Amino acid sequence: MSRNLHEGHREKVKQRFIEEGLNAFEDHQVLELLLFYTIPRKDTNEMAHRLLEKFGTLESLFDSKPEELIKKGKVTRNTAIFLSMVPELARRYMMLKQGRKPVLDSSSKAGQFITTLFIGKTYEAFYVCCLNSQNQLNYAALVHEGTINEAPVYPRLIVETALRHQASSIILAHNHPGGSLKPSNADIEVTRKICDAMKTISVSVIDHMIAAGNNYFSFAENGLL
């Protein structure tokens, strides 16, 4: 009897999603629904509450690496992988929505694209967006992943990346996981060095953008390029 009640509850939650979407769900209910697909015969409501208590927020949970979910959340490897895929899938979906070769011919278009690159990244990373002569994206190359507050980037590596992906111009992009959009002195200095290096191969640096969440800072817009 209890099994039938349990299956009936799951069916009601699924039907509610079909009819109302996730906007009608509380965070623990979103997590409960997701856990249906890796935990077939347990009460996932209780587990959802426990995981949110452990990780604080749904965002923090999704941003956690599989090994952290296993160790801290006491979940199976399958569940850990499934949950950590959420931000990766969101990033892939948002990039696909912009097209395979989006045209990044304005700061707003470039800003929208580069904030997508950093969805789910809780550590600092540095990308080089290689554009063709029509300002279409050839390739967004991840050239460095650093610590939470440091990403040393080497001009020679940027030059090699631009040549490899046949760039007519490039946009530099990195994130500030702490939330500040203000460029550091190191950000400004490394940008100057990269611009000097790119001149040797006649490839222009049209912008350097800093992403923090859904917001961005453009060096070009702020007269720093």
C-alpha atoms as a PDB file:
ATOM      1  CA  MET A   1       0.000   0.000   0.000  1.00  0.00           C
ATOM      2  CA  SER A   2       2.774   2.457   0.964  1.00  0.00           C
ATOM      3  CA  ARG A   3       4.538   1.756  -2.312  1.00  0.00           C
ATOM      4  CA  ASN A   4       1.393   2.651  -4.248  1.00  0.00           C
ATOM      5  CA  LEU A   5       1.077   5.883  -2.268  1.00  0.00           C
ATOM      6  CA  HIS A   6       4.740   6.684  -2.955  1.00  0.00           C
ATOM      7  CA  GLU A   7       4.350   6.076  -6.700  1.00  0.00           C
ATOM      8  CA  GLY A   8       1.181   8.161  -6.668  1.00  0.00           C
ATOM      9  CA  HIS A   9       3.063  11.063  -5.064  1.00  0.00           C
ATOM     10  CA  ARG A  10       5.799  10.930  -7.702  1.00  0.00           C
ATOM     11  CA  GLU A  11       3.227  10.913 -10.481  1.00  0.00           C
ATOM     12  CA  LYS A  12       1.503  13.962  -8.991  1.00  0.00           C
ATOM     13  CA  VAL A  13       4.815  15.871  -8.797  1.00  0.00           C
ATOM     14  CA  LYS A  14       5.658  14.997 -12.410  1.00  0.00           C
ATOM     15  CA  GLN A  15       2.190  16.020 -13.608  1.00  0.00           C
ATOM     16  CA  ARG A  16       2.489  19.294 -11.699  1.00  0.00           C
ATOM     17  CA  PHE A  17       5.739  20.013 -13.535  1.00  0.00           C
ATOM     18  CA  ILE A  18       4.097  19.299 -16.903  1.00  0.00           C
ATOM     19  CA  GLU A  19       1.215  21.649 -16.110  1.00  0.00           C
ATOM     20  CA  GLU A  20       2.988  24.438 -14.216  1.00  0.00           C
ATOM     21  CA  GLY A  21       6.742  24.202 -14.879  1.00  0.00           C
ATOM     22  CA  LEU A  22       9.474  24.696 -12.287  1.00  0.00           C
ATOM     23  CA  ASN A  23       8.468  28.282 -11.471  1.00  0.00           C
ATOM     24  CA  ALA A  24       5.743  26.872  -9.249  1.00  0.00           C
ATOM     25  CA  PHE A  25       8.206  24.694  -7.298  1.00  0.00           C
ATOM     26  CA  GLU A  26      10.148  25.472  -4.142  1.00  0.00           C
ATOM     27  CA  ASP A  27      13.885  24.666  -4.267  1.00  0.00           C
ATOM     28  CA  HIS A  28      13.504  21.435  -2.300  1.00  0.00           C
ATOM     29  CA  GLN A  29      10.719  20.346  -4.668  1.00  0.00           C
ATOM     30  CA  VAL A  30      12.942  20.961  -7.706  1.00  0.00           C
ATOM     31  CA  LEU A  31      15.604  18.794  -6.117  1.00  0.00           C
ATOM     32  CA  GLU A  32      13.083  16.150  -5.102  1.00  0.00           C
ATOM     33  CA  LEU A  33      11.891  15.871  -8.711  1.00  0.00           C
ATOM     34  CA  LEU A  34      15.439  15.582 -10.052  1.00  0.00           C
ATOM     35  CA  LEU A  35      16.269  12.853  -7.555  1.00  0.00           C
ATOM     36  CA  PHE A  36      13.360  10.731  -8.846  1.00  0.00           C
ATOM     37  CA  TYR A  37      15.558   9.883 -11.830  1.00  0.00           C
ATOM     38  CA  THR A  38      18.538   8.501  -9.911  1.00  0.00           C
ATOM     39  CA  ILE A  39      16.798   7.155  -6.794  1.00  0.00           C
ATOM     40  CA  PRO A  40      13.880   4.964  -7.861  1.00  0.00           C
ATOM     41  CA  ARG A  41      12.461   3.645  -4.588  1.00  0.00           C
ATOM     42  CA  LYS A  42      13.202   6.086  -1.774  1.00  0.00           C
ATOM     43  CA  ASP A  43      11.541   9.194  -0.385  1.00  0.00           C
ATOM     44  CA  THR A  44      13.538  11.882  -2.179  1.00  0.00           C
ATOM     45  CA  ASN A  45      11.727  14.713  -0.395  1.00  0.00           C
ATOM     46  CA  GLU A  46      13.575  13.969   2.823  1.00  0.00           C
ATOM     47  CA  MET A  47      16.887  13.671   0.942  1.00  0.00           C
ATOM     48  CA  ALA A  48      16.262  16.966  -0.867  1.00  0.00           C
ATOM     49  CA  HIS A  49      15.780  18.786   2.442  1.00  0.00           C
ATOM     50  CA  ARG A  50      18.921  17.178   3.866  1.00  0.00           C
ATOM     51  CA  LEU A  51      21.056  18.131   0.863  1.00  0.00           C
ATOM     52  CA  LEU A  52      19.849  21.736   0.903  1.00  0.00           C
ATOM     53  CA  GLU A  53      20.647  21.907   4.601  1.00  0.00           C
ATOM     54  CA  LYS A  54      24.166  20.604   3.896  1.00  0.00           C
ATOM     55  CA  PHE A  55      24.923  22.856   0.903  1.00  0.00           C
ATOM     56  CA  GLY A  56      22.901  25.932   1.847  1.00  0.00           C
ATOM     57  CA  THR A  57      21.342  26.721  -1.542  1.00  0.00           C
ATOM     58  CA  LEU A  58      20.326  24.916  -4.696  1.00  0.00           C
ATOM     59  CA  GLU A  59      22.903  26.962  -6.615  1.00  0.00           C
ATOM     60  CA  SER A  60      25.692  25.936  -4.261  1.00  0.00           C
ATOM     61  CA  LEU A  61      24.672  22.300  -4.548  1.00  0.00           C
ATOM     62  CA  PHE A  62      24.623  22.365  -8.363  1.00  0.00           C
ATOM     63  CA  ASP A  63      28.004  24.129  -8.427  1.00  0.00           C
ATOM     64  CA  SER A  64      29.630  21.407  -6.325  1.00  0.00           C
ATOM     65  CA  LYS A  65      31.911  18.842  -7.923  1.00  0.00           C
ATOM     66  CA  PRO A  66      30.794  15.182  -7.944  1.00  0.00           C
ATOM     67  CA  GLU A  67      33.391  14.156  -5.355  1.00  0.00           C
ATOM     68  CA  GLU A  68      32.141  16.868  -2.981  1.00  0.00           C
ATOM     69  CA  LEU A  69      28.539  15.774  -3.457  1.00  0.00           C
ATOM     70  CA  ILE A  70      29.514  12.193  -2.649  1.00  0.00           C
ATOM     71  CA  LYS A  71      31.577  13.095   0.416  1.00  0.00           C
ATOM     72  CA  LYS A  72      29.522  15.920   1.899  1.00  0.00           C
ATOM     73  CA  GLY A  73      26.078  14.974   0.613  1.00  0.00           C
ATOM     74  CA  LYS A  74      26.400  11.214   1.119  1.00  0.00           C
ATOM     75  CA  VAL A  75      24.884  10.455  -2.288  1.00  0.00           C
ATOM     76  CA  THR A  76      25.771   7.796  -4.849  1.00  0.00           C
ATOM     77  CA  ARG A  77      28.180   8.431  -7.708  1.00  0.00           C
ATOM     78  CA  ASN A  78      25.300   8.359 -10.212  1.00  0.00           C
ATOM     79  CA  THR A  79      23.374  10.987  -8.256  1.00  0.00           C
ATOM     80  CA  ALA A  80      26.459  13.170  -7.842  1.00  0.00           C
ATOM     81  CA  ILE A  81      27.198  13.113 -11.574  1.00  0.00           C
ATOM     82  CA  PHE A  82      23.558  13.781 -12.444  1.00  0.00           C
ATOM     83  CA  LEU A  83      23.303  16.836 -10.160  1.00  0.00           C
ATOM     84  CA  SER A  84      26.648  18.313 -11.236  1.00  0.00           C
ATOM     85  CA  MET A  85      25.512  18.070 -14.874  1.00  0.00           C
ATOM     86  CA  VAL A  86      22.783  20.668 -14.286  1.00  0.00           C
ATOM     87  CA  PRO A  87      24.951  23.824 -14.738  1.00  0.00           C
ATOM     88  CA  GLU A  88      26.870  22.144 -17.574  1.00  0.00           C
ATOM     89  CA  LEU A  89      23.607  21.425 -19.385  1.00  0.00           C
ATOM     90  CA  ALA A  90      22.406  24.980 -18.724  1.00  0.00           C
ATOM     91  CA  ARG A  91      25.605  26.390 -20.211  1.00  0.00           C
ATOM     92  CA  ARG A  92      25.385  24.115 -23.271  1.00  0.00           C
ATOM     93  CA  TYR A  93      21.716  25.011 -23.790  1.00  0.00           C
ATOM     94  CA  MET A  94      22.327  28.768 -23.549  1.00  0.00           C
ATOM     95  CA  MET A  95      25.236  28.584 -25.973  1.00  0.00           C
ATOM     96  CA  LEU A  96      23.200  26.538 -28.464  1.00  0.00           C
ATOM     97  CA  LYS A  97      20.434  29.155 -28.270  1.00  0.00           C
ATOM     98  CA  GLN A  98      22.938  31.742 -29.482  1.00  0.00           C
ATOM     99  CA  GLY A  99      23.894  29.613 -32.504  1.00  0.00           C
ATOM    100  CA  ARG A 100      26.973  27.643 -33.433  1.00  0.00           C
ATOM    101  CA  LYS A 101      28.787  30.734 -34.728  1.00  0.00           C
ATOM    102  CA  PRO A 102      27.222  33.770 -33.022  1.00  0.00           C
ATOM    103  CA  VAL A 103      28.096  37.226 -34.332  1.00  0.00           C
ATOM    104  CA  LEU A 104      29.792  39.177 -31.529  1.00  0.00           C
ATOM    105  CA  ASP A 105      29.836  42.610 -33.138  1.00  0.00           C
ATOM    106  CA  SER A 106      28.790  44.639 -30.089  1.00  0.00           C
ATOM    107  CA  SER A 107      29.605  44.753 -26.394  1.00  0.00           C
ATOM    108  CA  SER A 108      26.075  43.665 -25.495  1.00  0.00           C
ATOM    109  CA  LYS A 109      26.189  40.581 -27.732  1.00  0.00           C
ATOM    110  CA  ALA A 110      29.686  39.691 -26.557  1.00  0.00           C
ATOM    111  CA  GLY A 111      28.683  40.264 -22.930  1.00  0.00           C
ATOM    112  CA  GLN A 112      25.679  37.986 -23.247  1.00  0.00           C
ATOM    113  CA  PHE A 113      27.855  35.274 -24.776  1.00  0.00           C
ATOM    114  CA  ILE A 114      30.722  35.449 -22.304  1.00  0.00           C
ATOM    115  CA  THR A 115      28.475  35.374 -19.224  1.00  0.00           C
ATOM    116  CA  THR A 116      27.115  32.112 -20.631  1.00  0.00           C
ATOM    117  CA  LEU A 117      30.648  30.689 -20.808  1.00  0.00           C
ATOM    118  CA  PHE A 118      31.016  30.963 -17.046  1.00  0.00           C
ATOM    119  CA  ILE A 119      27.717  29.443 -15.906  1.00  0.00           C
ATOM    120  CA  GLY A 120      28.489  27.117 -13.013  1.00  0.00           C
ATOM    121  CA  LYS A 121      32.173  28.039 -12.745  1.00  0.00           C
ATOM    122  CA  THR A 122      33.061  28.783  -9.123  1.00  0.00           C
ATOM    123  CA  TYR A 123      36.760  29.258  -9.904  1.00  0.00           C
ATOM    124  CA  GLU A 124      38.523  31.781 -12.109  1.00  0.00           C
ATOM    125  CA  ALA A 125      38.972  30.869 -15.754  1.00  0.00           C
ATOM    126  CA  PHE A 126      40.248  32.664 -18.855  1.00  0.00           C
ATOM    127  CA  TYR A 127      38.854  32.296 -22.396  1.00  0.00           C
ATOM    128  CA  VAL A 128      39.959  33.613 -25.761  1.00  0.00           C
ATOM    129  CA  CYS A 129      37.072  34.083 -28.183  1.00  0.00           C
ATOM    130  CA  CYS A 130      38.477  33.817 -31.712  1.00  0.00           C
ATOM    131  CA  LEU A 131      36.468  35.733 -34.321  1.00  0.00           C
ATOM    132  CA  ASN A 132      36.574  35.661 -38.112  1.00  0.00           C
ATOM    133  CA  SER A 133      36.564  38.755 -40.337  1.00  0.00           C
ATOM    134  CA  GLN A 134      32.740  39.007 -40.021  1.00  0.00           C
ATOM    135  CA  ASN A 135      32.964  38.979 -36.198  1.00  0.00           C
ATOM    136  CA  GLN A 136      31.524  35.480 -36.064  1.00  0.00           C
ATOM    137  CA  LEU A 137      32.866  33.213 -33.360  1.00  0.00           C
ATOM    138  CA  ASN A 138      35.260  30.594 -34.692  1.00  0.00           C
ATOM    139  CA  TYR A 139      35.998  29.113 -31.286  1.00  0.00           C
ATOM    140  CA  ALA A 140      35.941  29.987 -27.586  1.00  0.00           C
ATOM    141  CA  ALA A 141      39.154  28.525 -26.210  1.00  0.00           C
ATOM    142  CA  LEU A 142      39.635  27.900 -22.498  1.00  0.00           C
ATOM    143  CA  VAL A 143      43.296  28.815 -22.016  1.00  0.00           C
ATOM    144  CA  HIS A 144      43.589  28.793 -18.242  1.00  0.00           C
ATOM    145  CA  GLU A 145      41.774  27.692 -15.115  1.00  0.00           C
ATOM    146  CA  GLY A 146      43.170  29.211 -11.963  1.00  0.00           C
ATOM    147  CA  THR A 147      42.469  29.461  -8.283  1.00  0.00           C
ATOM    148  CA  ILE A 148      39.515  31.369  -6.892  1.00  0.00           C
ATOM    149  CA  ASN A 149      41.410  34.688  -7.095  1.00  0.00           C
ATOM    150  CA  GLU A 150      44.199  34.269  -9.619  1.00  0.00           C
ATOM    151  CA  ALA A 151      44.491  33.362 -13.308  1.00  0.00           C
ATOM    152  CA  PRO A 152      47.981  33.922 -14.713  1.00  0.00           C
ATOM    153  CA  VAL A 153      47.702  34.168 -18.483  1.00  0.00           C
ATOM    154  CA  TYR A 154      50.624  34.057 -20.862  1.00  0.00           C
ATOM    155  CA  PRO A 155      50.643  36.173 -24.067  1.00  0.00           C
ATOM    156  CA  ARG A 156      52.472  33.453 -26.024  1.00  0.00           C
ATOM    157  CA  LEU A 157      49.632  31.007 -25.310  1.00  0.00           C
ATOM    158  CA  ILE A 158      47.074  33.563 -26.518  1.00  0.00           C
ATOM    159  CA  VAL A 159      49.024  34.086 -29.743  1.00  0.00           C
ATOM    160  CA  GLU A 160      49.177  30.328 -30.362  1.00  0.00           C
ATOM    161  CA  THR A 161      45.450  30.021 -29.706  1.00  0.00           C
ATOM    162  CA  ALA A 162      44.567  32.835 -32.121  1.00  0.00           C
ATOM    163  CA  LEU A 163      46.710  31.298 -34.859  1.00  0.00           C
ATOM    164  CA  ARG A 164      45.336  27.810 -34.275  1.00  0.00           C
ATOM    165  CA  HIS A 165      41.745  28.987 -34.646  1.00  0.00           C
ATOM    166  CA  GLN A 166      42.421  31.387 -37.534  1.00  0.00           C
ATOM    167  CA  ALA A 167      41.293  34.492 -35.673  1.00  0.00           C
ATOM    168  CA  SER A 168      41.016  37.860 -37.386  1.00  0.00           C
ATOM    169  CA  SER A 169      40.360  39.382 -33.972  1.00  0.00           C
ATOM    170  CA  ILE A 170      39.876  38.154 -30.428  1.00  0.00           C
ATOM    171  CA  ILE A 171      37.862  38.947 -27.327  1.00  0.00           C
ATOM    172  CA  LEU A 172      39.474  38.105 -23.998  1.00  0.00           C
ATOM    173  CA  ALA A 173      37.181  36.965 -21.212  1.00  0.00           C
ATOM    174  CA  HIS A 174      37.599  35.923 -17.615  1.00  0.00           C
ATOM    175  CA  ASN A 175      35.368  35.722 -14.577  1.00  0.00           C
ATOM    176  CA  HIS A 176      35.437  37.064 -11.049  1.00  0.00           C
ATOM    177  CA  PRO A 177      33.694  34.362  -8.968  1.00  0.00           C
ATOM    178  CA  GLY A 178      33.591  36.718  -5.973  1.00  0.00           C
ATOM    179  CA  GLY A 179      31.110  38.964  -7.778  1.00  0.00           C
ATOM    180  CA  SER A 180      33.146  42.150  -8.299  1.00  0.00           C
ATOM    181  CA  LEU A 181      33.287  43.511 -11.844  1.00  0.00           C
ATOM    182  CA  LYS A 182      36.151  45.909 -11.127  1.00  0.00           C
ATOM    183  CA  PRO A 183      39.311  45.010 -13.092  1.00  0.00           C
ATOM    184  CA  SER A 184      42.422  44.566 -10.963  1.00  0.00           C
ATOM    185  CA  ASN A 185      45.788  46.129 -11.786  1.00  0.00           C
ATOM    186  CA  ALA A 186      46.893  42.641 -12.844  1.00  0.00           C
ATOM    187  CA  ASP A 187      43.903  42.390 -15.230  1.00  0.00           C
ATOM    188  CA  ILE A 188      44.865  45.700 -16.834  1.00  0.00           C
ATOM    189  CA  GLU A 189      48.546  44.779 -17.071  1.00  0.00           C
ATOM    190  CA  VAL A 190      47.987  41.355 -18.607  1.00  0.00           C
ATOM    191  CA  THR A 191      45.599  42.915 -21.139  1.00  0.00           C
ATOM    192  CA  ARG A 192      48.304  45.382 -22.203  1.00  0.00           C
ATOM    193  CA  LYS A 193      50.841  42.570 -22.607  1.00  0.00           C
ATOM    194  CA  ILE A 194      48.434  40.458 -24.659  1.00  0.00           C
ATOM    195  CA  CYS A 195      47.558  43.429 -26.913  1.00  0.00           C
ATOM    196  CA  ASP A 196      51.272  44.035 -27.559  1.00  0.00           C
ATOM    197  CA  ALA A 197      51.817  40.358 -28.357  1.00  0.00           C
ATOM    198  CA  MET A 198      48.847  40.211 -30.747  1.00  0.00           C
ATOM    199  CA  LYS A 199      50.204  43.132 -32.755  1.00  0.00           C
ATOM    200  CA  THR A 200      53.087  40.902 -33.859  1.00  0.00           C
ATOM    201  CA  ILE A 201      50.626  38.665 -35.751  1.00  0.00           C
ATOM    202  CA  SER A 202      48.253  41.480 -36.838  1.00  0.00           C
ATOM    203  CA  VAL A 203      45.313  40.207 -34.798  1.00  0.00           C
ATOM    204  CA  SER A 204      43.399  42.872 -32.888  1.00  0.00           C
ATOM    205  CA  VAL A 205      42.076  42.551 -29.356  1.00  0.00           C
ATOM    206  CA  ILE A 206      38.655  44.151 -29.647  1.00  0.00           C
ATOM    207  CA  ASP A 207      37.670  43.724 -25.990  1.00  0.00           C
ATOM    208  CA  HIS A 208      38.478  42.153 -22.664  1.00  0.00           C
ATOM    209  CA  MET A 209      35.424  41.277 -20.624  1.00  0.00           C
ATOM    210  CA  ILE A 210      35.014  40.331 -16.990  1.00  0.00           C
ATOM    211  CA  ALA A 211      31.979  38.247 -16.057  1.00  0.00           C
ATOM    212  CA  ALA A 212      30.386  38.044 -12.624  1.00  0.00           C
ATOM    213  CA  GLY A 213      27.109  36.160 -12.603  1.00  0.00           C
ATOM    214  CA  ASN A 214      24.849  37.643 -15.278  1.00  0.00           C
ATOM    215  CA  ASN A 215      26.790  40.919 -15.394  1.00  0.00           C
ATOM    216  CA  TYR A 216      29.882  41.916 -17.326  1.00  0.00           C
ATOM    217  CA  PHE A 217      32.487  44.672 -17.544  1.00  0.00           C
ATOM    218  CA  SER A 218      33.847  45.718 -20.941  1.00  0.00           C
ATOM    219  CA  PHE A 219      37.377  47.150 -21.175  1.00  0.00           C
ATOM    220  CA  ALA A 220      36.486  48.670 -24.556  1.00  0.00           C
ATOM    221  CA  GLU A 221      33.360  50.414 -23.251  1.00  0.00           C
ATOM    222  CA  ASN A 222      35.305  51.826 -20.297  1.00  0.00           C
ATOM    223  CA  GLY A 223      38.297  53.147 -22.227  1.00  0.00           C
ATOM    224  CA  LEU A 224      40.770  50.567 -20.908  1.00  0.00           C
ATOM    225  CA  LEU A 225      41.725  49.070 -24.259  1.00  0.00           C
END
